[in-house]
Amino acid sequence: MPDTSAPTEIEEVVLLNEAGQAIGSAPKDKIHGRSTPLHSAFSIFLFNLHGEMLIQQRAWTKQTWPGIWSNACCGHPMPGEALEHAAQRRLRQELGLRGISLRLALPDFRYRASYQGIEENEICPVFIGLCSQEPQLNPTEVAALDWINWAEFLSEEADPTKLEDSSYSPWSRLEAAALGQWSRQHPLGSFVAQR
């Protein structure tokens, strides 16, 4: 089951300078606006043994990109929190998944995107993992889940010239395009891309 308990304190995100170094922190619910400062995040792509990618529809109550479909899970490490620990925490909170073995595929991924007056501006390393568990969505975070064919998603959605014409988050599309390149040289990526 997802961890649906409310945080006991205000969730903070790590602010970064242009070199990617931590320069402070700020409340997560206060930094996202028309001009969001650069901050630390992460993104997770999960695949099953059929070569399908887990996607989620973000809860309609989300401050950023409500109701938009995206990759399995995203989040922000808290100050002093190791990146993989933060990724495992969010997998539990959003999808009720525990013990997923993650591999850091894109350690330096960075993007900036805007939607409905809210900007994302993140250095957002991307993890991948294989999932044989059945996810259990947390309705405060996720509206719906589905498994889709990875190769079809790549061919249809990973086109950066069409970012505005999609029901998928811009980061999931940009990250997928980068993962498609990465998968040509790495075993797990090759396994997923060929199914």
C-alpha atoms as a PDB file:
ATOM      1  CA  MET A   1       0.000   0.000   0.000  1.00  0.00           C
ATOM      2  CA  PRO A   2       1.182   3.559  -0.631  1.00  0.00           C
ATOM      3  CA  ASP A   3       2.340   5.627   2.310  1.00  0.00           C
ATOM      4  CA  THR A   4      -0.515   8.144   2.437  1.00  0.00           C
ATOM      5  CA  SER A   5       0.417   9.668   5.772  1.00  0.00           C
ATOM      6  CA  ALA A   6       0.821  13.427   5.698  1.00  0.00           C
ATOM      7  CA  PRO A   7       4.349  14.756   6.151  1.00  0.00           C
ATOM      8  CA  THR A   8       4.955  15.954   9.713  1.00  0.00           C
ATOM      9  CA  GLU A   9       6.865  19.004   8.513  1.00  0.00           C
ATOM     10  CA  ILE A  10       6.945  21.300   5.510  1.00  0.00           C
ATOM     11  CA  GLU A  11       8.616  19.563   2.570  1.00  0.00           C
ATOM     12  CA  GLU A  12      11.746  21.417   1.485  1.00  0.00           C
ATOM     13  CA  VAL A  13      13.531  21.244  -1.860  1.00  0.00           C
ATOM     14  CA  VAL A  14      17.229  21.843  -2.469  1.00  0.00           C
ATOM     15  CA  LEU A  15      18.040  25.017  -4.403  1.00  0.00           C
ATOM     16  CA  LEU A  16      20.973  24.829  -6.830  1.00  0.00           C
ATOM     17  CA  ASN A  17      23.337  27.212  -8.559  1.00  0.00           C
ATOM     18  CA  GLU A  18      24.122  26.904 -12.276  1.00  0.00           C
ATOM     19  CA  ALA A  19      26.943  24.461 -11.494  1.00  0.00           C
ATOM     20  CA  GLY A  20      24.452  22.149  -9.775  1.00  0.00           C
ATOM     21  CA  GLN A  21      25.747  22.841  -6.268  1.00  0.00           C
ATOM     22  CA  ALA A  22      23.348  23.170  -3.340  1.00  0.00           C
ATOM     23  CA  ILE A  23      22.962  26.783  -2.207  1.00  0.00           C
ATOM     24  CA  GLY A  24      20.041  26.463   0.190  1.00  0.00           C
ATOM     25  CA  SER A  25      16.516  25.154   0.478  1.00  0.00           C
ATOM     26  CA  ALA A  26      12.954  26.415   0.226  1.00  0.00           C
ATOM     27  CA  PRO A  27       9.431  25.081   0.879  1.00  0.00           C
ATOM     28  CA  LYS A  28       8.318  22.978  -2.079  1.00  0.00           C
ATOM     29  CA  ASP A  29       4.872  24.553  -2.187  1.00  0.00           C
ATOM     30  CA  LYS A  30       6.335  28.079  -2.341  1.00  0.00           C
ATOM     31  CA  ILE A  31       8.978  27.853  -5.102  1.00  0.00           C
ATOM     32  CA  HIS A  32       6.920  26.733  -8.096  1.00  0.00           C
ATOM     33  CA  GLY A  33       5.602  29.763  -9.961  1.00  0.00           C
ATOM     34  CA  ARG A  34       6.174  31.778 -13.116  1.00  0.00           C
ATOM     35  CA  SER A  35       9.929  31.943 -12.481  1.00  0.00           C
ATOM     36  CA  THR A  36      10.934  28.873 -10.487  1.00  0.00           C
ATOM     37  CA  PRO A  37      14.502  28.777  -9.161  1.00  0.00           C
ATOM     38  CA  LEU A  38      16.763  25.923 -10.236  1.00  0.00           C
ATOM     39  CA  HIS A  39      16.368  23.023  -7.816  1.00  0.00           C
ATOM     40  CA  SER A  40      17.128  19.344  -7.352  1.00  0.00           C
ATOM     41  CA  ALA A  41      14.707  16.639  -8.472  1.00  0.00           C
ATOM     42  CA  PHE A  42      14.679  13.079  -9.825  1.00  0.00           C
ATOM     43  CA  SER A  43      12.565  11.027 -12.193  1.00  0.00           C
ATOM     44  CA  ILE A  44      11.889   7.277 -12.380  1.00  0.00           C
ATOM     45  CA  PHE A  45      10.989   5.113 -15.370  1.00  0.00           C
ATOM     46  CA  LEU A  46       9.755   1.613 -14.491  1.00  0.00           C
ATOM     47  CA  PHE A  47       9.424  -1.225 -16.972  1.00  0.00           C
ATOM     48  CA  ASN A  48       7.918  -4.710 -16.795  1.00  0.00           C
ATOM     49  CA  LEU A  49       9.171  -7.891 -18.422  1.00  0.00           C
ATOM     50  CA  HIS A  50       6.907  -7.274 -21.437  1.00  0.00           C
ATOM     51  CA  GLY A  51       8.813  -4.129 -22.400  1.00  0.00           C
ATOM     52  CA  GLU A  52       6.053  -1.874 -21.149  1.00  0.00           C
ATOM     53  CA  MET A  53       6.577   1.396 -19.305  1.00  0.00           C
ATOM     54  CA  LEU A  54       4.513   2.368 -16.262  1.00  0.00           C
ATOM     55  CA  ILE A  55       2.775   5.722 -16.650  1.00  0.00           C
ATOM     56  CA  GLN A  56       0.748   7.700 -14.172  1.00  0.00           C
ATOM     57  CA  GLN A  57      -1.820  10.419 -14.526  1.00  0.00           C
ATOM     58  CA  ARG A  58      -0.929  13.080 -11.997  1.00  0.00           C
ATOM     59  CA  ALA A  59      -3.618  13.849  -9.421  1.00  0.00           C
ATOM     60  CA  TRP A  60      -5.889  16.737 -10.367  1.00  0.00           C
ATOM     61  CA  THR A  61      -5.014  18.461  -7.087  1.00  0.00           C
ATOM     62  CA  LYS A  62      -1.302  18.716  -7.954  1.00  0.00           C
ATOM     63  CA  GLN A  63       0.170  22.234  -8.074  1.00  0.00           C
ATOM     64  CA  THR A  64       2.232  21.392 -11.168  1.00  0.00           C
ATOM     65  CA  TRP A  65       0.848  19.654 -14.271  1.00  0.00           C
ATOM     66  CA  PRO A  66      -2.434  18.410 -12.702  1.00  0.00           C
ATOM     67  CA  GLY A  67      -4.116  15.610 -14.655  1.00  0.00           C
ATOM     68  CA  ILE A  68      -1.195  15.227 -17.071  1.00  0.00           C
ATOM     69  CA  TRP A  69       0.171  11.755 -17.860  1.00  0.00           C
ATOM     70  CA  SER A  70       3.830  11.164 -17.028  1.00  0.00           C
ATOM     71  CA  ASN A  71       6.422   8.497 -16.306  1.00  0.00           C
ATOM     72  CA  ALA A  72       6.148   6.251 -13.238  1.00  0.00           C
ATOM     73  CA  CYS A  73       7.261   8.668 -10.537  1.00  0.00           C
ATOM     74  CA  CYS A  74       9.032  11.972  -9.894  1.00  0.00           C
ATOM     75  CA  GLY A  75      10.040  13.914  -6.829  1.00  0.00           C
ATOM     76  CA  HIS A  76      12.526  16.083  -4.989  1.00  0.00           C
ATOM     77  CA  PRO A  77      15.228  14.987  -2.555  1.00  0.00           C
ATOM     78  CA  MET A  78      14.973  16.790   0.759  1.00  0.00           C
ATOM     79  CA  PRO A  79      18.001  18.633   2.179  1.00  0.00           C
ATOM     80  CA  GLY A  80      20.613  16.060   3.208  1.00  0.00           C
ATOM     81  CA  GLU A  81      18.683  13.147   1.665  1.00  0.00           C
ATOM     82  CA  ALA A  82      20.512  10.782  -0.692  1.00  0.00           C
ATOM     83  CA  LEU A  83      19.030  10.725  -4.184  1.00  0.00           C
ATOM     84  CA  GLU A  84      18.236   6.989  -4.264  1.00  0.00           C
ATOM     85  CA  HIS A  85      16.703   7.159  -0.787  1.00  0.00           C
ATOM     86  CA  ALA A  86      14.428   9.963  -2.039  1.00  0.00           C
ATOM     87  CA  ALA A  87      13.510   7.897  -5.116  1.00  0.00           C
ATOM     88  CA  GLN A  88      12.578   4.872  -2.964  1.00  0.00           C
ATOM     89  CA  ARG A  89      10.578   7.130  -0.632  1.00  0.00           C
ATOM     90  CA  ARG A  90       8.512   8.501  -3.521  1.00  0.00           C
ATOM     91  CA  LEU A  91       7.938   5.023  -4.993  1.00  0.00           C
ATOM     92  CA  ARG A  92       6.420   4.023  -1.636  1.00  0.00           C
ATOM     93  CA  GLN A  93       4.407   7.226  -1.272  1.00  0.00           C
ATOM     94  CA  GLU A  94       2.989   7.418  -4.791  1.00  0.00           C
ATOM     95  CA  LEU A  95       2.798   3.792  -5.918  1.00  0.00           C
ATOM     96  CA  GLY A  96       3.112   1.572  -2.823  1.00  0.00           C
ATOM     97  CA  LEU A  97       6.242  -0.036  -4.328  1.00  0.00           C
ATOM     98  CA  ARG A  98       9.063  -1.305  -2.142  1.00  0.00           C
ATOM     99  CA  GLY A  99      12.403  -2.920  -2.901  1.00  0.00           C
ATOM    100  CA  ILE A 100      12.611  -1.831  -6.554  1.00  0.00           C
ATOM    101  CA  SER A 101      16.212  -2.033  -7.771  1.00  0.00           C
ATOM    102  CA  LEU A 102      16.984   1.287  -9.447  1.00  0.00           C
ATOM    103  CA  ARG A 103      19.783   2.200 -11.827  1.00  0.00           C
ATOM    104  CA  LEU A 104      20.863   5.799 -12.360  1.00  0.00           C
ATOM    105  CA  ALA A 105      20.761   6.149 -16.141  1.00  0.00           C
ATOM    106  CA  LEU A 106      20.904   9.906 -16.743  1.00  0.00           C
ATOM    107  CA  PRO A 107      22.758  11.564 -13.836  1.00  0.00           C
ATOM    108  CA  ASP A 108      22.954  15.037 -15.405  1.00  0.00           C
ATOM    109  CA  PHE A 109      19.536  15.472 -17.015  1.00  0.00           C
ATOM    110  CA  ARG A 110      18.251  19.058 -16.806  1.00  0.00           C
ATOM    111  CA  TYR A 111      15.143  20.716 -18.179  1.00  0.00           C
ATOM    112  CA  ARG A 112      12.918  23.768 -17.944  1.00  0.00           C
ATOM    113  CA  ALA A 113       9.224  23.819 -18.926  1.00  0.00           C
ATOM    114  CA  SER A 114       6.076  25.849 -18.234  1.00  0.00           C
ATOM    115  CA  TYR A 115       2.386  24.953 -18.044  1.00  0.00           C
ATOM    116  CA  GLN A 116      -0.608  27.018 -16.903  1.00  0.00           C
ATOM    117  CA  GLY A 117       1.629  29.711 -15.430  1.00  0.00           C
ATOM    118  CA  ILE A 118       3.820  27.294 -13.453  1.00  0.00           C
ATOM    119  CA  GLU A 119       7.446  26.669 -14.389  1.00  0.00           C
ATOM    120  CA  GLU A 120       9.636  23.663 -13.621  1.00  0.00           C
ATOM    121  CA  ASN A 121      13.380  24.322 -13.573  1.00  0.00           C
ATOM    122  CA  GLU A 122      15.248  21.242 -12.429  1.00  0.00           C
ATOM    123  CA  ILE A 123      18.423  19.241 -12.497  1.00  0.00           C
ATOM    124  CA  CYS A 124      16.630  15.935 -12.568  1.00  0.00           C
ATOM    125  CA  PRO A 125      18.665  12.698 -12.654  1.00  0.00           C
ATOM    126  CA  VAL A 126      16.709   9.815 -14.186  1.00  0.00           C
ATOM    127  CA  PHE A 127      16.485   6.321 -12.681  1.00  0.00           C
ATOM    128  CA  ILE A 128      15.241   3.189 -14.415  1.00  0.00           C
ATOM    129  CA  GLY A 129      14.089  -0.075 -12.901  1.00  0.00           C
ATOM    130  CA  LEU A 130      12.273  -3.322 -13.583  1.00  0.00           C
ATOM    131  CA  CYS A 131       8.985  -3.792 -11.752  1.00  0.00           C
ATOM    132  CA  SER A 132       7.223  -7.119 -11.229  1.00  0.00           C
ATOM    133  CA  GLN A 133       4.941  -5.771  -8.486  1.00  0.00           C
ATOM    134  CA  GLU A 134       1.442  -4.414  -8.979  1.00  0.00           C
ATOM    135  CA  PRO A 135       1.497  -0.692  -8.155  1.00  0.00           C
ATOM    136  CA  GLN A 136      -1.143   0.674  -5.792  1.00  0.00           C
ATOM    137  CA  LEU A 137      -1.781   4.340  -6.497  1.00  0.00           C
ATOM    138  CA  ASN A 138      -2.018   6.963  -3.774  1.00  0.00           C
ATOM    139  CA  PRO A 139      -5.017   9.085  -4.859  1.00  0.00           C
ATOM    140  CA  THR A 140      -3.552  12.250  -3.346  1.00  0.00           C
ATOM    141  CA  GLU A 141      -0.632  11.909  -5.797  1.00  0.00           C
ATOM    142  CA  VAL A 142      -1.891   9.813  -8.732  1.00  0.00           C
ATOM    143  CA  ALA A 143      -5.251   9.781 -10.546  1.00  0.00           C
ATOM    144  CA  ALA A 144      -4.660   6.683 -12.719  1.00  0.00           C
ATOM    145  CA  LEU A 145      -2.004   4.177 -13.823  1.00  0.00           C
ATOM    146  CA  ASP A 146      -1.348   2.246 -17.019  1.00  0.00           C
ATOM    147  CA  TRP A 147       1.352   0.192 -18.759  1.00  0.00           C
ATOM    148  CA  ILE A 148       2.204   1.224 -22.336  1.00  0.00           C
ATOM    149  CA  ASN A 149       4.589  -0.113 -24.947  1.00  0.00           C
ATOM    150  CA  TRP A 150       7.987   1.564 -24.538  1.00  0.00           C
ATOM    151  CA  ALA A 151       8.961   1.422 -28.210  1.00  0.00           C
ATOM    152  CA  GLU A 152       5.639   2.957 -29.259  1.00  0.00           C
ATOM    153  CA  PHE A 153       5.959   5.698 -26.641  1.00  0.00           C
ATOM    154  CA  LEU A 154       9.432   6.506 -27.956  1.00  0.00           C
ATOM    155  CA  SER A 155       8.308   6.684 -31.566  1.00  0.00           C
ATOM    156  CA  GLU A 156       5.150   8.702 -30.847  1.00  0.00           C
ATOM    157  CA  GLU A 157       6.050  10.938 -27.914  1.00  0.00           C
ATOM    158  CA  ALA A 158       9.809  11.462 -27.690  1.00  0.00           C
ATOM    159  CA  ASP A 159       9.826  14.240 -30.253  1.00  0.00           C
ATOM    160  CA  PRO A 160      10.910  17.519 -28.634  1.00  0.00           C
ATOM    161  CA  THR A 161       9.364  19.537 -31.486  1.00  0.00           C
ATOM    162  CA  LYS A 162       5.888  18.431 -30.353  1.00  0.00           C
ATOM    163  CA  LEU A 163       6.100  19.173 -26.623  1.00  0.00           C
ATOM    164  CA  GLU A 164       3.020  21.391 -26.661  1.00  0.00           C
ATOM    165  CA  ASP A 165       0.852  18.846 -28.515  1.00  0.00           C
ATOM    166  CA  SER A 166       0.774  16.045 -25.975  1.00  0.00           C
ATOM    167  CA  SER A 167      -1.104  14.813 -22.940  1.00  0.00           C
ATOM    168  CA  TYR A 168       2.266  13.727 -21.464  1.00  0.00           C
ATOM    169  CA  SER A 169       4.511  15.838 -19.261  1.00  0.00           C
ATOM    170  CA  PRO A 170       7.367  17.559 -21.094  1.00  0.00           C
ATOM    171  CA  TRP A 171       9.961  16.044 -18.774  1.00  0.00           C
ATOM    172  CA  SER A 172       8.735  12.481 -19.443  1.00  0.00           C
ATOM    173  CA  ARG A 173       9.052  13.071 -23.176  1.00  0.00           C
ATOM    174  CA  LEU A 174      12.476  14.718 -22.991  1.00  0.00           C
ATOM    175  CA  GLU A 175      13.772  12.066 -20.581  1.00  0.00           C
ATOM    176  CA  ALA A 176      12.391   9.259 -22.759  1.00  0.00           C
ATOM    177  CA  ALA A 177      14.230  10.651 -25.790  1.00  0.00           C
ATOM    178  CA  ALA A 178      17.474  10.758 -23.773  1.00  0.00           C
ATOM    179  CA  LEU A 179      16.836   7.227 -22.442  1.00  0.00           C
ATOM    180  CA  GLY A 180      16.271   6.010 -25.993  1.00  0.00           C
ATOM    181  CA  GLN A 181      19.782   7.206 -26.844  1.00  0.00           C
ATOM    182  CA  TRP A 182      21.211   5.799 -23.614  1.00  0.00           C
ATOM    183  CA  SER A 183      19.589   2.393 -24.179  1.00  0.00           C
ATOM    184  CA  ARG A 184      21.657   1.764 -27.307  1.00  0.00           C
ATOM    185  CA  GLN A 185      24.769   1.230 -25.153  1.00  0.00           C
ATOM    186  CA  HIS A 186      23.474  -0.230 -21.867  1.00  0.00           C
ATOM    187  CA  PRO A 187      22.157  -3.731 -21.120  1.00  0.00           C
ATOM    188  CA  LEU A 188      18.974  -2.871 -19.212  1.00  0.00           C
ATOM    189  CA  GLY A 189      18.099  -0.164 -21.682  1.00  0.00           C
ATOM    190  CA  SER A 190      18.671  -2.566 -24.557  1.00  0.00           C
ATOM    191  CA  PHE A 191      16.441  -5.159 -22.887  1.00  0.00           C
ATOM    192  CA  VAL A 192      13.610  -2.684 -22.562  1.00  0.00           C
ATOM    193  CA  ALA A 193      13.987  -1.040 -25.981  1.00  0.00           C
ATOM    194  CA  GLN A 194      13.918  -4.361 -27.862  1.00  0.00           C
ATOM    195  CA  ARG A 195      10.679  -5.690 -26.382  1.00  0.00           C
END
